Amino acid sequence: MKIALTTLLALAAAGCGINKRTSDFTCTDDSDCESDRRCEEGYCTVGARDLPDAARGTPDAPVVPVIDASPPDAFICPTSCTGGCLEDFTCVIDCSADGSCIDPVVCPANLPCQVTCTGAGSCTNTIDCSMASDCDINCGVDGTCGGLVSCAAGAECDVACAGANSCAAGVSCADACSCSVLCTGGGSCATASTCPPAPANKCRTGNGCNTTGHNQCDECP
């Protein structure tokens, strides 16, 4: 009798460790289970639920890339910026070597641009800064900036014609919000610059342009 009782107790204890699946816990998806359970292999089991998939027969939602604000974190300096780019993303076009930049110089779009024509015989062609967000051009050696210098509309433009006979074809900045063309080199600015319009040509000094003397000569925000 004692042996039989012991056997029954052992069987009962073993039965307590069996994971029985009953019809009370059957399911087809998580919605058939309590909130703290999930549907797994047709039964509600304890555990966190997975994120819901798209409905059957419909594609998954598209992955939308996250785009940084402009300028982007992974900013790449354009190859035309031979002097690299400054911390404020200013493109530097370095024409400090003798005979450099003899082809037309074109500043990249939507970046501030700084062109340094300080090499002998440099920048003998045109300089196109019409797509830049800001123009700063130094024609510091004799005969530099021989072609037309074009500034961007609605942007600030500063051109220093310090070399003798520099800026021979003039500077076009009529649509700039501010334009300063300083003709300090002997015989510089042989062709008059086209300055921002203002009554009585207040923005013009000789063949150059100035940003003083009239409020319409400097209207950049």
N, C-alpha and C. Protein backbone atom coordinates (compact mmCIF):
# COMPACT_ATOMS: atom_id res chain seq x y z
N MET A 1 0.83 -1.22 0.00
CA MET A 1 0.00 0.00 0.00
C MET A 1 0.86 1.26 0.00
N LYS A 2 1.93 1.21 0.80
CA LYS A 2 2.83 2.35 0.88
C LYS A 2 3.51 2.58 -0.46
N ILE A 3 3.88 1.48 -1.11
CA ILE A 3 4.55 1.61 -2.41
C ILE A 3 3.61 2.22 -3.45
N ALA A 4 2.36 1.77 -3.45
CA ALA A 4 1.38 2.29 -4.41
C ALA A 4 1.13 3.77 -4.22
N LEU A 5 1.04 4.21 -2.94
CA LEU A 5 0.82 5.63 -2.65
C LEU A 5 1.99 6.47 -3.12
N THR A 6 3.20 5.93 -2.89
CA THR A 6 4.40 6.65 -3.33
C THR A 6 4.42 6.82 -4.84
N THR A 7 4.01 5.78 -5.54
CA THR A 7 3.97 5.82 -7.01
C THR A 7 2.99 6.85 -7.51
N LEU A 8 1.80 6.93 -6.86
CA LEU A 8 0.80 7.90 -7.27
C LEU A 8 1.29 9.34 -7.06
N LEU A 9 1.97 9.57 -5.92
CA LEU A 9 2.49 10.91 -5.64
C LEU A 9 3.55 11.31 -6.68
N ALA A 10 4.38 10.38 -7.07
CA ALA A 10 5.42 10.67 -8.05
C ALA A 10 4.82 11.02 -9.40
N LEU A 11 3.78 10.29 -9.78
CA LEU A 11 3.12 10.58 -11.05
C LEU A 11 2.44 11.93 -11.04
N ALA A 12 1.82 12.26 -9.88
CA ALA A 12 1.16 13.57 -9.77
C ALA A 12 2.16 14.71 -9.89
N ALA A 13 3.31 14.53 -9.23
CA ALA A 13 4.35 15.57 -9.29
C ALA A 13 4.87 15.74 -10.70
N ALA A 14 5.07 14.63 -11.38
CA ALA A 14 5.54 14.71 -12.77
C ALA A 14 4.52 15.39 -13.65
N GLY A 15 3.23 15.16 -13.41
CA GLY A 15 2.18 15.79 -14.20
C GLY A 15 2.17 17.28 -14.07
N CYS A 16 2.61 17.80 -12.89
CA CYS A 16 2.64 19.26 -12.68
C CYS A 16 3.66 19.92 -13.59
N GLY A 17 4.70 19.22 -14.02
CA GLY A 17 5.74 19.83 -14.86
C GLY A 17 5.45 19.73 -16.34
N ILE A 18 4.36 19.12 -16.73
CA ILE A 18 4.03 18.97 -18.14
C ILE A 18 3.37 20.25 -18.65
N ASN A 19 3.84 20.75 -19.82
CA ASN A 19 3.26 21.95 -20.42
C ASN A 19 2.11 21.52 -21.31
N LYS A 20 0.92 21.53 -20.77
CA LYS A 20 -0.24 21.07 -21.50
C LYS A 20 -0.83 22.20 -22.34
N ARG A 21 -1.17 21.92 -23.59
CA ARG A 21 -1.81 22.88 -24.48
C ARG A 21 -3.27 22.51 -24.60
N THR A 22 -4.15 23.38 -24.18
CA THR A 22 -5.57 23.10 -24.23
C THR A 22 -6.23 24.02 -25.24
N SER A 23 -7.46 23.71 -25.58
CA SER A 23 -8.19 24.52 -26.57
C SER A 23 -8.49 25.91 -26.05
N ASP A 24 -8.37 26.12 -24.72
CA ASP A 24 -8.62 27.46 -24.17
C ASP A 24 -7.56 28.47 -24.62
N PHE A 25 -6.39 28.00 -25.05
CA PHE A 25 -5.29 28.89 -25.41
C PHE A 25 -4.94 28.83 -26.88
N THR A 26 -5.81 28.25 -27.69
CA THR A 26 -5.54 28.23 -29.13
C THR A 26 -5.75 29.61 -29.74
N CYS A 27 -5.01 29.90 -30.82
CA CYS A 27 -5.10 31.23 -31.44
C CYS A 27 -4.66 31.15 -32.89
N THR A 28 -5.03 32.19 -33.62
CA THR A 28 -4.53 32.34 -34.99
C THR A 28 -3.59 33.54 -35.12
N ASP A 29 -3.78 34.55 -34.25
CA ASP A 29 -2.85 35.66 -34.20
C ASP A 29 -2.88 36.27 -32.81
N ASP A 30 -2.09 37.32 -32.57
CA ASP A 30 -1.96 37.91 -31.24
C ASP A 30 -3.27 38.45 -30.70
N SER A 31 -4.17 38.86 -31.57
CA SER A 31 -5.43 39.45 -31.12
C SER A 31 -6.32 38.44 -30.40
N ASP A 32 -6.05 37.14 -30.56
CA ASP A 32 -6.83 36.12 -29.88
C ASP A 32 -6.35 35.88 -28.45
N CYS A 33 -5.24 36.52 -28.08
CA CYS A 33 -4.63 36.28 -26.77
C CYS A 33 -4.80 37.49 -25.86
N GLU A 34 -4.55 37.27 -24.56
CA GLU A 34 -4.53 38.38 -23.62
C GLU A 34 -3.38 39.32 -23.98
N SER A 35 -3.43 40.56 -23.44
CA SER A 35 -2.46 41.58 -23.83
C SER A 35 -1.03 41.22 -23.45
N ASP A 36 -0.87 40.35 -22.40
CA ASP A 36 0.48 39.98 -21.98
C ASP A 36 0.95 38.68 -22.62
N ARG A 37 0.24 38.22 -23.64
CA ARG A 37 0.60 36.99 -24.31
C ARG A 37 0.68 37.22 -25.82
N ARG A 38 1.35 36.31 -26.49
CA ARG A 38 1.44 36.36 -27.94
C ARG A 38 1.09 35.00 -28.52
N CYS A 39 0.68 35.01 -29.78
CA CYS A 39 0.30 33.77 -30.46
C CYS A 39 1.54 33.16 -31.09
N GLU A 40 1.87 31.94 -30.62
CA GLU A 40 3.06 31.26 -31.11
C GLU A 40 2.73 29.80 -31.38
N GLU A 41 2.89 29.39 -32.63
CA GLU A 41 2.60 28.02 -33.05
C GLU A 41 1.18 27.61 -32.70
N GLY A 42 0.24 28.56 -32.83
CA GLY A 42 -1.17 28.24 -32.63
C GLY A 42 -1.66 28.30 -31.21
N TYR A 43 -0.80 28.69 -30.24
CA TYR A 43 -1.19 28.78 -28.84
C TYR A 43 -0.72 30.09 -28.24
N CYS A 44 -1.53 30.61 -27.27
CA CYS A 44 -1.16 31.84 -26.57
C CYS A 44 -0.10 31.52 -25.53
N THR A 45 1.06 32.14 -25.67
CA THR A 45 2.14 31.93 -24.72
C THR A 45 2.54 33.26 -24.11
N VAL A 46 3.15 33.21 -22.93
CA VAL A 46 3.57 34.43 -22.24
C VAL A 46 4.78 35.01 -22.97
N GLY A 47 4.75 36.33 -23.23
CA GLY A 47 5.88 36.98 -23.89
C GLY A 47 5.43 38.19 -24.67
N ALA A 48 6.42 39.06 -24.94
CA ALA A 48 6.13 40.29 -25.68
C ALA A 48 5.78 39.96 -27.13
N ARG A 49 4.88 40.73 -27.68
CA ARG A 49 4.45 40.51 -29.04
C ARG A 49 5.44 41.14 -30.04
N ASP A 50 5.55 40.54 -31.21
CA ASP A 50 6.36 41.12 -32.27
C ASP A 50 5.61 42.29 -32.89
N LEU A 51 6.37 43.15 -33.61
CA LEU A 51 5.72 44.24 -34.32
C LEU A 51 4.83 43.66 -35.41
N PRO A 52 3.65 44.21 -35.63
CA PRO A 52 2.72 43.63 -36.61
C PRO A 52 3.26 43.72 -38.03
N ASP A 53 3.06 42.64 -38.77
CA ASP A 53 3.41 42.66 -40.19
C ASP A 53 2.30 43.35 -40.98
N ALA A 54 2.59 43.63 -42.21
CA ALA A 54 1.55 44.19 -43.09
C ALA A 54 0.46 43.15 -43.31
N ALA A 55 -0.72 43.61 -43.65
CA ALA A 55 -1.83 42.70 -43.89
C ALA A 55 -1.49 41.75 -45.03
N ARG A 56 -2.05 40.56 -44.96
CA ARG A 56 -1.77 39.56 -45.99
C ARG A 56 -2.17 40.10 -47.37
N GLY A 57 -1.28 39.86 -48.31
CA GLY A 57 -1.55 40.29 -49.67
C GLY A 57 -1.14 41.72 -49.97
N THR A 58 -0.65 42.44 -48.95
CA THR A 58 -0.21 43.82 -49.17
C THR A 58 1.28 43.91 -48.91
N PRO A 59 1.97 44.80 -49.63
CA PRO A 59 3.43 44.91 -49.44
C PRO A 59 3.77 45.60 -48.13
N ASP A 60 4.99 45.37 -47.65
CA ASP A 60 5.47 46.07 -46.46
C ASP A 60 5.56 47.57 -46.75
N ALA A 61 5.50 48.36 -45.70
CA ALA A 61 5.61 49.82 -45.87
C ALA A 61 6.99 50.16 -46.42
N PRO A 62 7.08 51.17 -47.28
CA PRO A 62 8.37 51.53 -47.86
C PRO A 62 9.30 52.12 -46.80
N VAL A 63 10.58 51.90 -46.99
CA VAL A 63 11.58 52.46 -46.09
C VAL A 63 11.87 53.89 -46.54
N VAL A 64 11.65 54.85 -45.67
CA VAL A 64 11.85 56.26 -46.01
C VAL A 64 13.19 56.71 -45.46
N PRO A 65 14.12 57.12 -46.31
CA PRO A 65 15.43 57.53 -45.81
C PRO A 65 15.35 58.84 -45.03
N VAL A 66 16.21 58.99 -44.04
CA VAL A 66 16.30 60.23 -43.27
C VAL A 66 17.38 61.09 -43.89
N ILE A 67 17.00 62.30 -44.33
CA ILE A 67 17.93 63.19 -45.01
C ILE A 67 18.31 64.33 -44.07
N ASP A 68 19.62 64.57 -43.96
CA ASP A 68 20.09 65.67 -43.11
C ASP A 68 19.72 67.00 -43.73
N ALA A 69 19.71 68.03 -42.89
CA ALA A 69 19.47 69.37 -43.40
C ALA A 69 20.65 69.82 -44.23
N SER A 70 20.43 70.83 -45.08
CA SER A 70 21.50 71.35 -45.91
C SER A 70 22.27 72.43 -45.16
N PRO A 71 23.61 72.46 -45.30
CA PRO A 71 24.45 71.50 -45.97
C PRO A 71 24.51 70.19 -45.19
N PRO A 72 24.65 69.04 -45.85
CA PRO A 72 24.62 67.76 -45.17
C PRO A 72 25.83 67.53 -44.30
N ASP A 73 25.67 66.57 -43.32
CA ASP A 73 26.79 66.23 -42.46
C ASP A 73 27.96 65.71 -43.28
N ALA A 74 27.66 64.88 -44.27
CA ALA A 74 28.71 64.30 -45.10
C ALA A 74 29.01 65.22 -46.28
N PHE A 75 29.36 66.46 -45.99
CA PHE A 75 29.63 67.45 -47.04
C PHE A 75 30.90 67.06 -47.78
N ILE A 76 30.83 67.09 -49.10
CA ILE A 76 31.99 66.80 -49.94
C ILE A 76 32.36 68.07 -50.69
N CYS A 77 33.56 68.53 -50.50
CA CYS A 77 34.01 69.76 -51.16
C CYS A 77 34.15 69.50 -52.66
N PRO A 78 33.55 70.33 -53.51
CA PRO A 78 33.65 70.12 -54.96
C PRO A 78 35.09 70.15 -55.46
N THR A 79 35.37 69.37 -56.49
CA THR A 79 36.74 69.30 -57.01
C THR A 79 37.19 70.62 -57.63
N SER A 80 36.23 71.45 -58.02
CA SER A 80 36.60 72.76 -58.58
C SER A 80 37.20 73.69 -57.53
N CYS A 81 37.00 73.35 -56.26
CA CYS A 81 37.55 74.17 -55.17
C CYS A 81 38.99 73.73 -54.93
N THR A 82 39.90 74.22 -55.78
CA THR A 82 41.29 73.74 -55.76
C THR A 82 42.02 74.10 -54.47
N GLY A 83 41.50 75.08 -53.74
CA GLY A 83 42.08 75.43 -52.45
C GLY A 83 41.33 74.84 -51.28
N GLY A 84 40.43 73.90 -51.58
CA GLY A 84 39.65 73.26 -50.52
C GLY A 84 38.43 74.08 -50.12
N CYS A 85 37.82 73.68 -49.01
CA CYS A 85 36.65 74.39 -48.48
C CYS A 85 36.90 74.76 -47.03
N LEU A 86 36.44 75.94 -46.65
CA LEU A 86 36.60 76.42 -45.28
C LEU A 86 35.53 75.80 -44.39
N GLU A 87 35.63 76.07 -43.09
CA GLU A 87 34.67 75.49 -42.14
C GLU A 87 33.25 75.95 -42.40
N ASP A 88 33.07 77.13 -42.99
CA ASP A 88 31.73 77.63 -43.29
C ASP A 88 31.28 77.21 -44.69
N PHE A 89 31.96 76.20 -45.28
CA PHE A 89 31.66 75.64 -46.59
C PHE A 89 32.04 76.56 -47.75
N THR A 90 32.79 77.62 -47.48
CA THR A 90 33.26 78.49 -48.56
C THR A 90 34.21 77.72 -49.47
N CYS A 91 33.92 77.76 -50.76
CA CYS A 91 34.77 77.12 -51.77
C CYS A 91 35.91 78.07 -52.11
N VAL A 92 37.14 77.60 -51.97
CA VAL A 92 38.31 78.41 -52.29
C VAL A 92 38.90 77.91 -53.61
N ILE A 93 38.92 78.78 -54.61
CA ILE A 93 39.56 78.46 -55.88
C ILE A 93 40.90 79.19 -55.89
N ASP A 94 41.97 78.41 -55.76
CA ASP A 94 43.32 78.94 -55.56
C ASP A 94 44.01 79.16 -56.90
N CYS A 95 44.22 80.43 -57.24
CA CYS A 95 44.93 80.78 -58.47
C CYS A 95 46.18 81.58 -58.11
N SER A 96 46.86 81.09 -57.08
CA SER A 96 48.04 81.81 -56.59
C SER A 96 49.31 81.44 -57.35
N ALA A 97 49.29 80.33 -58.09
CA ALA A 97 50.46 79.94 -58.87
C ALA A 97 50.52 80.74 -60.17
N ASP A 98 51.72 81.03 -60.62
CA ASP A 98 51.87 81.78 -61.87
C ASP A 98 51.26 81.01 -63.03
N GLY A 99 50.49 81.71 -63.86
CA GLY A 99 49.88 81.10 -65.03
C GLY A 99 48.73 80.16 -64.73
N SER A 100 48.22 80.18 -63.50
CA SER A 100 47.13 79.28 -63.13
C SER A 100 45.77 79.87 -63.51
N CYS A 101 44.77 78.99 -63.60
CA CYS A 101 43.39 79.41 -63.86
C CYS A 101 43.27 80.22 -65.15
N ILE A 102 43.89 79.72 -66.22
CA ILE A 102 43.80 80.44 -67.49
C ILE A 102 42.51 80.09 -68.24
N ASP A 103 41.86 79.00 -67.84
CA ASP A 103 40.54 78.68 -68.40
C ASP A 103 39.48 79.42 -67.59
N PRO A 104 38.26 79.54 -68.14
CA PRO A 104 37.20 80.21 -67.37
C PRO A 104 37.03 79.59 -65.98
N VAL A 105 36.92 80.43 -64.98
CA VAL A 105 36.72 79.99 -63.60
C VAL A 105 35.23 80.00 -63.30
N VAL A 106 34.70 78.87 -62.81
CA VAL A 106 33.28 78.76 -62.51
C VAL A 106 33.12 78.32 -61.05
N CYS A 107 32.47 79.14 -60.24
CA CYS A 107 32.22 78.79 -58.85
C CYS A 107 31.05 77.80 -58.77
N PRO A 108 31.12 76.82 -57.86
CA PRO A 108 30.01 75.87 -57.72
C PRO A 108 28.76 76.55 -57.19
N ALA A 109 27.62 75.97 -57.50
CA ALA A 109 26.34 76.56 -57.10
C ALA A 109 26.07 76.39 -55.62
N ASN A 110 25.38 77.36 -55.05
CA ASN A 110 24.83 77.32 -53.69
C ASN A 110 25.88 77.28 -52.58
N LEU A 111 27.09 77.68 -52.88
CA LEU A 111 28.13 77.77 -51.87
C LEU A 111 28.78 79.15 -51.95
N PRO A 112 29.27 79.69 -50.82
CA PRO A 112 30.09 80.89 -50.91
C PRO A 112 31.35 80.57 -51.70
N CYS A 113 31.84 81.52 -52.48
CA CYS A 113 33.00 81.26 -53.33
C CYS A 113 34.05 82.34 -53.15
N GLN A 114 35.29 81.90 -53.01
CA GLN A 114 36.42 82.82 -52.85
C GLN A 114 37.46 82.48 -53.91
N VAL A 115 37.75 83.44 -54.79
CA VAL A 115 38.72 83.22 -55.86
C VAL A 115 39.92 84.13 -55.59
N THR A 116 41.11 83.51 -55.50
CA THR A 116 42.32 84.29 -55.21
C THR A 116 43.24 84.28 -56.42
N CYS A 117 43.20 85.37 -57.19
CA CYS A 117 44.02 85.50 -58.39
C CYS A 117 45.27 86.31 -58.03
N THR A 118 46.23 85.64 -57.43
CA THR A 118 47.42 86.34 -56.96
C THR A 118 48.69 85.83 -57.64
N GLY A 119 48.55 84.95 -58.62
CA GLY A 119 49.71 84.48 -59.37
C GLY A 119 49.88 85.29 -60.64
N ALA A 120 51.14 85.51 -61.04
CA ALA A 120 51.40 86.27 -62.27
C ALA A 120 50.78 85.56 -63.47
N GLY A 121 50.02 86.30 -64.26
CA GLY A 121 49.38 85.72 -65.44
C GLY A 121 48.22 84.81 -65.12
N SER A 122 47.69 84.87 -63.92
CA SER A 122 46.56 84.02 -63.54
C SER A 122 45.23 84.70 -63.87
N CYS A 123 44.18 83.89 -63.96
CA CYS A 123 42.82 84.41 -64.13
C CYS A 123 42.72 85.38 -65.30
N THR A 124 43.21 84.96 -66.45
CA THR A 124 43.16 85.83 -67.61
C THR A 124 41.83 85.71 -68.35
N ASN A 125 41.00 84.75 -67.95
CA ASN A 125 39.72 84.51 -68.60
C ASN A 125 38.58 85.00 -67.71
N THR A 126 37.37 84.59 -68.02
CA THR A 126 36.20 85.03 -67.26
C THR A 126 36.12 84.33 -65.89
N ILE A 127 35.42 84.97 -64.97
CA ILE A 127 35.14 84.38 -63.66
C ILE A 127 33.63 84.41 -63.46
N ASP A 128 33.03 83.23 -63.39
CA ASP A 128 31.58 83.11 -63.27
C ASP A 128 31.23 82.73 -61.83
N CYS A 129 30.71 83.70 -61.10
CA CYS A 129 30.30 83.47 -59.71
C CYS A 129 28.78 83.64 -59.60
N SER A 130 28.09 83.48 -60.73
CA SER A 130 26.67 83.81 -60.80
C SER A 130 25.76 82.80 -60.10
N MET A 131 26.27 81.61 -59.75
CA MET A 131 25.44 80.61 -59.08
C MET A 131 25.81 80.45 -57.61
N ALA A 132 26.81 81.16 -57.16
CA ALA A 132 27.26 81.04 -55.77
C ALA A 132 26.35 81.82 -54.83
N SER A 133 26.45 81.51 -53.54
CA SER A 133 25.64 82.23 -52.56
C SER A 133 26.34 83.48 -52.04
N ASP A 134 27.62 83.64 -52.40
CA ASP A 134 28.40 84.81 -51.97
C ASP A 134 29.68 84.80 -52.81
N CYS A 135 30.15 85.97 -53.23
CA CYS A 135 31.34 86.04 -54.09
C CYS A 135 32.39 86.95 -53.46
N ASP A 136 33.62 86.44 -53.39
CA ASP A 136 34.75 87.23 -52.87
C ASP A 136 35.93 86.96 -53.80
N ILE A 137 36.26 87.95 -54.63
CA ILE A 137 37.26 87.74 -55.68
C ILE A 137 38.40 88.74 -55.52
N ASN A 138 39.62 88.20 -55.49
CA ASN A 138 40.80 89.04 -55.30
C ASN A 138 41.65 89.01 -56.56
N CYS A 139 41.65 90.15 -57.27
CA CYS A 139 42.44 90.28 -58.50
C CYS A 139 43.68 91.10 -58.14
N GLY A 140 44.60 90.45 -57.44
CA GLY A 140 45.67 91.18 -56.77
C GLY A 140 46.94 91.37 -57.55
N VAL A 141 47.04 90.83 -58.76
CA VAL A 141 48.29 90.93 -59.54
C VAL A 141 47.98 91.55 -60.90
N ASP A 142 48.98 92.18 -61.48
CA ASP A 142 48.81 92.88 -62.76
C ASP A 142 48.18 91.97 -63.81
N GLY A 143 47.13 92.48 -64.47
CA GLY A 143 46.51 91.79 -65.58
C GLY A 143 45.57 90.66 -65.20
N THR A 144 45.35 90.45 -63.93
CA THR A 144 44.46 89.36 -63.52
C THR A 144 43.00 89.76 -63.74
N CYS A 145 42.13 88.73 -63.75
CA CYS A 145 40.69 88.94 -63.97
C CYS A 145 40.47 89.68 -65.29
N GLY A 146 41.10 89.15 -66.35
CA GLY A 146 41.04 89.83 -67.64
C GLY A 146 39.68 89.75 -68.30
N GLY A 147 38.90 88.69 -68.00
CA GLY A 147 37.58 88.56 -68.59
C GLY A 147 36.50 89.12 -67.68
N LEU A 148 35.28 89.07 -68.15
CA LEU A 148 34.16 89.59 -67.37
C LEU A 148 34.00 88.81 -66.07
N VAL A 149 33.79 89.51 -64.98
CA VAL A 149 33.50 88.89 -63.68
C VAL A 149 32.00 89.01 -63.44
N SER A 150 31.32 87.85 -63.29
CA SER A 150 29.87 87.84 -63.12
C SER A 150 29.51 87.45 -61.69
N CYS A 151 28.72 88.28 -61.03
CA CYS A 151 28.30 88.03 -59.64
C CYS A 151 26.89 87.45 -59.61
N ALA A 152 26.55 86.86 -58.47
CA ALA A 152 25.25 86.19 -58.31
C ALA A 152 24.15 87.20 -57.97
N ALA A 153 22.96 86.94 -58.49
CA ALA A 153 21.81 87.77 -58.17
C ALA A 153 21.37 87.53 -56.73
N GLY A 154 21.04 88.61 -56.02
CA GLY A 154 20.55 88.50 -54.66
C GLY A 154 21.59 88.11 -53.64
N ALA A 155 22.86 88.15 -54.01
CA ALA A 155 23.95 87.77 -53.10
C ALA A 155 24.93 88.93 -52.96
N GLU A 156 25.81 88.81 -51.98
CA GLU A 156 26.85 89.82 -51.78
C GLU A 156 28.04 89.51 -52.68
N CYS A 157 28.63 90.55 -53.26
CA CYS A 157 29.76 90.37 -54.16
C CYS A 157 30.83 91.41 -53.84
N ASP A 158 32.04 90.94 -53.61
CA ASP A 158 33.17 91.82 -53.31
C ASP A 158 34.30 91.48 -54.27
N VAL A 159 34.72 92.46 -55.06
CA VAL A 159 35.80 92.26 -56.03
C VAL A 159 36.87 93.32 -55.79
N ALA A 160 38.10 92.86 -55.53
CA ALA A 160 39.22 93.77 -55.31
C ALA A 160 40.12 93.75 -56.54
N CYS A 161 40.11 94.84 -57.30
CA CYS A 161 40.92 94.95 -58.51
C CYS A 161 42.18 95.74 -58.17
N ALA A 162 43.07 95.07 -57.43
CA ALA A 162 44.26 95.75 -56.90
C ALA A 162 45.44 95.71 -57.85
N GLY A 163 45.46 94.76 -58.77
CA GLY A 163 46.57 94.68 -59.71
C GLY A 163 46.43 95.68 -60.84
N ALA A 164 47.55 96.12 -61.37
CA ALA A 164 47.51 97.06 -62.50
C ALA A 164 46.82 96.39 -63.69
N ASN A 165 45.96 97.16 -64.34
CA ASN A 165 45.22 96.67 -65.51
C ASN A 165 44.36 95.43 -65.22
N SER A 166 44.00 95.23 -63.97
CA SER A 166 43.13 94.11 -63.62
C SER A 166 41.67 94.46 -63.89
N CYS A 167 40.82 93.43 -63.94
CA CYS A 167 39.38 93.63 -64.17
C CYS A 167 39.13 94.43 -65.44
N ALA A 168 39.85 94.09 -66.50
CA ALA A 168 39.79 94.88 -67.73
C ALA A 168 38.41 94.85 -68.38
N ALA A 169 37.69 93.72 -68.26
CA ALA A 169 36.37 93.61 -68.90
C ALA A 169 35.24 94.02 -67.97
N GLY A 170 35.56 94.47 -66.77
CA GLY A 170 34.55 94.95 -65.84
C GLY A 170 33.90 93.85 -65.00
N VAL A 171 32.99 94.27 -64.14
CA VAL A 171 32.28 93.38 -63.22
C VAL A 171 30.79 93.58 -63.41
N SER A 172 30.07 92.48 -63.53
CA SER A 172 28.61 92.53 -63.67
C SER A 172 27.96 92.13 -62.36
N CYS A 173 27.39 93.09 -61.66
CA CYS A 173 26.76 92.79 -60.37
C CYS A 173 25.48 93.61 -60.18
N ALA A 174 24.80 93.94 -61.27
CA ALA A 174 23.60 94.78 -61.20
C ALA A 174 22.50 94.15 -60.37
N ASP A 175 22.45 92.80 -60.33
CA ASP A 175 21.38 92.13 -59.59
C ASP A 175 21.81 91.65 -58.21
N ALA A 176 23.04 91.97 -57.82
CA ALA A 176 23.51 91.60 -56.47
C ALA A 176 22.81 92.47 -55.44
N CYS A 177 22.63 91.92 -54.23
CA CYS A 177 22.02 92.74 -53.18
C CYS A 177 23.03 93.70 -52.57
N SER A 178 24.32 93.41 -52.78
CA SER A 178 25.38 94.30 -52.34
C SER A 178 26.60 94.03 -53.21
N CYS A 179 27.21 95.08 -53.75
CA CYS A 179 28.36 94.88 -54.63
C CYS A 179 29.42 95.93 -54.37
N SER A 180 30.63 95.45 -54.10
CA SER A 180 31.76 96.35 -53.90
C SER A 180 32.85 95.99 -54.90
N VAL A 181 33.14 96.89 -55.80
CA VAL A 181 34.21 96.70 -56.78
C VAL A 181 35.22 97.82 -56.55
N LEU A 182 36.35 97.48 -55.98
CA LEU A 182 37.38 98.47 -55.65
C LEU A 182 38.45 98.45 -56.72
N CYS A 183 38.57 99.53 -57.47
CA CYS A 183 39.53 99.63 -58.58
C CYS A 183 40.74 100.43 -58.12
N THR A 184 41.62 99.80 -57.39
CA THR A 184 42.76 100.51 -56.80
C THR A 184 44.05 100.33 -57.61
N GLY A 185 44.09 99.34 -58.49
CA GLY A 185 45.28 99.13 -59.30
C GLY A 185 45.34 100.11 -60.46
N GLY A 186 46.56 100.49 -60.85
CA GLY A 186 46.70 101.43 -61.96
C GLY A 186 46.10 100.88 -63.24
N GLY A 187 45.19 101.65 -63.85
CA GLY A 187 44.55 101.23 -65.09
C GLY A 187 43.55 100.10 -64.92
N SER A 188 43.18 99.79 -63.70
CA SER A 188 42.20 98.71 -63.47
C SER A 188 40.80 99.17 -63.82
N CYS A 189 39.93 98.20 -64.04
CA CYS A 189 38.52 98.48 -64.37
C CYS A 189 38.41 99.35 -65.61
N ALA A 190 39.10 98.93 -66.69
CA ALA A 190 39.04 99.70 -67.94
C ALA A 190 37.61 99.77 -68.46
N THR A 191 36.84 98.72 -68.20
CA THR A 191 35.42 98.72 -68.54
C THR A 191 34.62 98.97 -67.28
N ALA A 192 33.68 99.88 -67.35
CA ALA A 192 32.89 100.23 -66.16
C ALA A 192 32.06 99.04 -65.69
N SER A 193 31.95 98.92 -64.38
CA SER A 193 31.15 97.87 -63.79
C SER A 193 29.67 98.21 -63.87
N THR A 194 28.83 97.18 -63.90
CA THR A 194 27.38 97.41 -63.82
C THR A 194 26.98 97.16 -62.38
N CYS A 195 26.69 98.24 -61.67
CA CYS A 195 26.43 98.18 -60.23
C CYS A 195 24.93 98.02 -59.94
N PRO A 196 24.56 97.66 -58.72
CA PRO A 196 23.14 97.64 -58.34
C PRO A 196 22.53 99.01 -58.59
N PRO A 197 21.31 99.06 -59.11
CA PRO A 197 20.71 100.36 -59.43
C PRO A 197 20.39 101.15 -58.17
N ALA A 198 20.58 102.41 -58.28
CA ALA A 198 20.22 103.35 -57.20
C ALA A 198 20.10 104.73 -57.82
N PRO A 199 19.25 105.59 -57.25
CA PRO A 199 19.09 106.94 -57.82
C PRO A 199 20.43 107.66 -57.97
N ALA A 200 20.60 108.30 -59.12
CA ALA A 200 21.79 109.12 -59.40
C ALA A 200 23.07 108.30 -59.33
N ASN A 201 22.96 106.98 -59.63
CA ASN A 201 24.15 106.12 -59.65
C ASN A 201 24.97 106.20 -58.37
N LYS A 202 24.28 106.25 -57.25
CA LYS A 202 24.97 106.36 -55.96
C LYS A 202 25.86 105.15 -55.66
N CYS A 203 25.59 104.00 -56.33
CA CYS A 203 26.40 102.80 -56.07
C CYS A 203 27.68 102.76 -56.89
N ARG A 204 27.95 103.76 -57.65
CA ARG A 204 29.13 103.75 -58.51
C ARG A 204 30.17 104.74 -58.02
N THR A 205 31.42 104.28 -58.04
CA THR A 205 32.56 105.16 -57.79
C THR A 205 33.54 104.96 -58.93
N GLY A 206 33.68 105.93 -59.82
CA GLY A 206 34.50 105.74 -61.01
C GLY A 206 33.92 104.60 -61.84
N ASN A 207 34.75 103.61 -62.18
CA ASN A 207 34.29 102.43 -62.90
C ASN A 207 33.99 101.26 -61.97
N GLY A 208 34.04 101.54 -60.69
CA GLY A 208 33.76 100.50 -59.71
C GLY A 208 32.42 100.71 -59.03
N CYS A 209 32.16 99.91 -58.00
CA CYS A 209 30.91 100.01 -57.23
C CYS A 209 31.26 100.12 -55.75
N ASN A 210 30.40 100.82 -55.02
CA ASN A 210 30.64 100.92 -53.58
C ASN A 210 29.36 100.56 -52.82
N THR A 211 29.51 100.28 -51.55
CA THR A 211 28.36 99.90 -50.71
C THR A 211 28.05 100.98 -49.68
N THR A 212 28.56 102.17 -49.89
CA THR A 212 28.30 103.27 -48.97
C THR A 212 27.67 104.43 -49.74
N GLY A 213 27.06 105.33 -49.01
CA GLY A 213 26.51 106.53 -49.62
C GLY A 213 25.05 106.44 -50.01
N HIS A 214 24.49 105.21 -50.07
CA HIS A 214 23.08 105.07 -50.38
C HIS A 214 22.60 103.72 -49.88
N ASN A 215 21.45 103.70 -49.25
CA ASN A 215 20.99 102.45 -48.64
C ASN A 215 20.64 101.37 -49.65
N GLN A 216 20.38 101.75 -50.91
CA GLN A 216 20.06 100.74 -51.93
C GLN A 216 21.29 100.07 -52.51
N CYS A 217 22.47 100.49 -52.05
CA CYS A 217 23.70 99.86 -52.52
C CYS A 217 24.06 98.63 -51.69
N ASP A 218 23.44 98.46 -50.57
CA ASP A 218 23.72 97.32 -49.69
C ASP A 218 22.43 96.88 -49.03
N GLU A 219 21.70 95.97 -49.70
CA GLU A 219 20.40 95.53 -49.20
C GLU A 219 20.38 94.04 -48.85
N CYS A 220 21.54 93.46 -48.65
CA CYS A 220 21.59 92.04 -48.27
C CYS A 220 21.02 91.86 -46.87
N PRO A 221 20.24 90.80 -46.66
CA PRO A 221 19.66 90.57 -45.32
C PRO A 221 20.74 90.27 -44.30
